[in-house]
Amino acid sequence: MVKYDGLRGQELLEVEDPDKEGGITLIFKDNRFMFIKIKDGKLDAHAIPE
């Protein structure tokens, strides 16, 4: 999970559960977001910026 190293240690400011797409959005300090949802029975997660 090296692509998420930028989020490690960041302060979590808010959790949107459920978000507008039915998943969970984690909002971190420094305007970073992680979007998590179930897609085809598997966990799908991506972060902005990576």
C-alpha atoms as a PDB file:
ATOM      1  CA  MET A   1       0.000   0.000   0.000  1.00  0.00           C
ATOM      2  CA  VAL A   2       2.874   2.309  -0.801  1.00  0.00           C
ATOM      3  CA  LYS A   3       0.606   4.587  -2.818  1.00  0.00           C
ATOM      4  CA  TYR A   4      -1.124   5.612   0.436  1.00  0.00           C
ATOM      5  CA  ASP A   5       2.078   6.544   2.308  1.00  0.00           C
ATOM      6  CA  GLY A   6       1.219  10.246   1.923  1.00  0.00           C
ATOM      7  CA  LEU A   7      -1.823   9.712   4.163  1.00  0.00           C
ATOM      8  CA  ARG A   8       0.028   7.924   6.946  1.00  0.00           C
ATOM      9  CA  GLY A   9       0.263  10.096  10.025  1.00  0.00           C
ATOM     10  CA  GLN A  10      -2.089  12.759   8.615  1.00  0.00           C
ATOM     11  CA  GLU A  11      -4.772  14.119  10.921  1.00  0.00           C
ATOM     12  CA  LEU A  12      -8.262  12.853  10.043  1.00  0.00           C
ATOM     13  CA  LEU A  13     -10.688  15.791  10.009  1.00  0.00           C
ATOM     14  CA  GLU A  14     -13.985  14.277   8.858  1.00  0.00           C
ATOM     15  CA  VAL A  15     -15.674  11.052   7.784  1.00  0.00           C
ATOM     16  CA  GLU A  16     -18.620  11.095   5.373  1.00  0.00           C
ATOM     17  CA  ASP A  17     -20.564   7.850   5.810  1.00  0.00           C
ATOM     18  CA  PRO A  18     -22.282   7.292   3.447  1.00  0.00           C
ATOM     19  CA  ASP A  19     -20.916   9.671   0.854  1.00  0.00           C
ATOM     20  CA  LYS A  20     -22.795  10.661  -2.313  1.00  0.00           C
ATOM     21  CA  GLU A  21     -21.726   7.418  -4.071  1.00  0.00           C
ATOM     22  CA  GLY A  22     -22.712   5.118  -1.196  1.00  0.00           C
ATOM     23  CA  GLY A  23     -19.193   4.577   0.097  1.00  0.00           C
ATOM     24  CA  ILE A  24     -17.092   6.261   2.753  1.00  0.00           C
ATOM     25  CA  THR A  25     -14.976   9.379   2.277  1.00  0.00           C
ATOM     26  CA  LEU A  26     -12.152  10.168   4.697  1.00  0.00           C
ATOM     27  CA  ILE A  27     -11.044  13.810   4.696  1.00  0.00           C
ATOM     28  CA  PHE A  28      -7.553  14.511   6.000  1.00  0.00           C
ATOM     29  CA  LYS A  29      -5.627  17.629   6.881  1.00  0.00           C
ATOM     30  CA  ASP A  30      -3.880  19.313   3.916  1.00  0.00           C
ATOM     31  CA  ASN A  31      -6.955  18.776   1.681  1.00  0.00           C
ATOM     32  CA  ARG A  32      -6.382  15.048   1.085  1.00  0.00           C
ATOM     33  CA  PHE A  33      -9.258  12.656   0.479  1.00  0.00           C
ATOM     34  CA  MET A  34      -9.609   8.854   0.503  1.00  0.00           C
ATOM     35  CA  PHE A  35     -12.656   7.298  -1.146  1.00  0.00           C
ATOM     36  CA  ILE A  36     -13.621   3.747  -0.118  1.00  0.00           C
ATOM     37  CA  LYS A  37     -16.467   1.647  -1.536  1.00  0.00           C
ATOM     38  CA  ILE A  38     -17.397  -1.928  -2.340  1.00  0.00           C
ATOM     39  CA  LYS A  39     -17.272  -2.653  -6.068  1.00  0.00           C
ATOM     40  CA  ASP A  40     -18.099  -6.113  -7.435  1.00  0.00           C
ATOM     41  CA  GLY A  41     -17.697  -7.589  -3.942  1.00  0.00           C
ATOM     42  CA  LYS A  42     -14.195  -6.129  -3.454  1.00  0.00           C
ATOM     43  CA  LEU A  43     -12.873  -3.120  -1.591  1.00  0.00           C
ATOM     44  CA  ASP A  44     -12.093  -0.243  -3.968  1.00  0.00           C
ATOM     45  CA  ALA A  45     -10.068   2.640  -2.525  1.00  0.00           C
ATOM     46  CA  HIS A  46      -8.308   5.613  -4.044  1.00  0.00           C
ATOM     47  CA  ALA A  47      -6.857   8.808  -2.649  1.00  0.00           C
ATOM     48  CA  ILE A  48      -6.593  12.360  -3.975  1.00  0.00           C
ATOM     49  CA  PRO A  49      -3.816  13.414  -4.269  1.00  0.00           C
ATOM     50  CA  GLU A  50      -1.947  10.104  -4.330  1.00  0.00           C
END
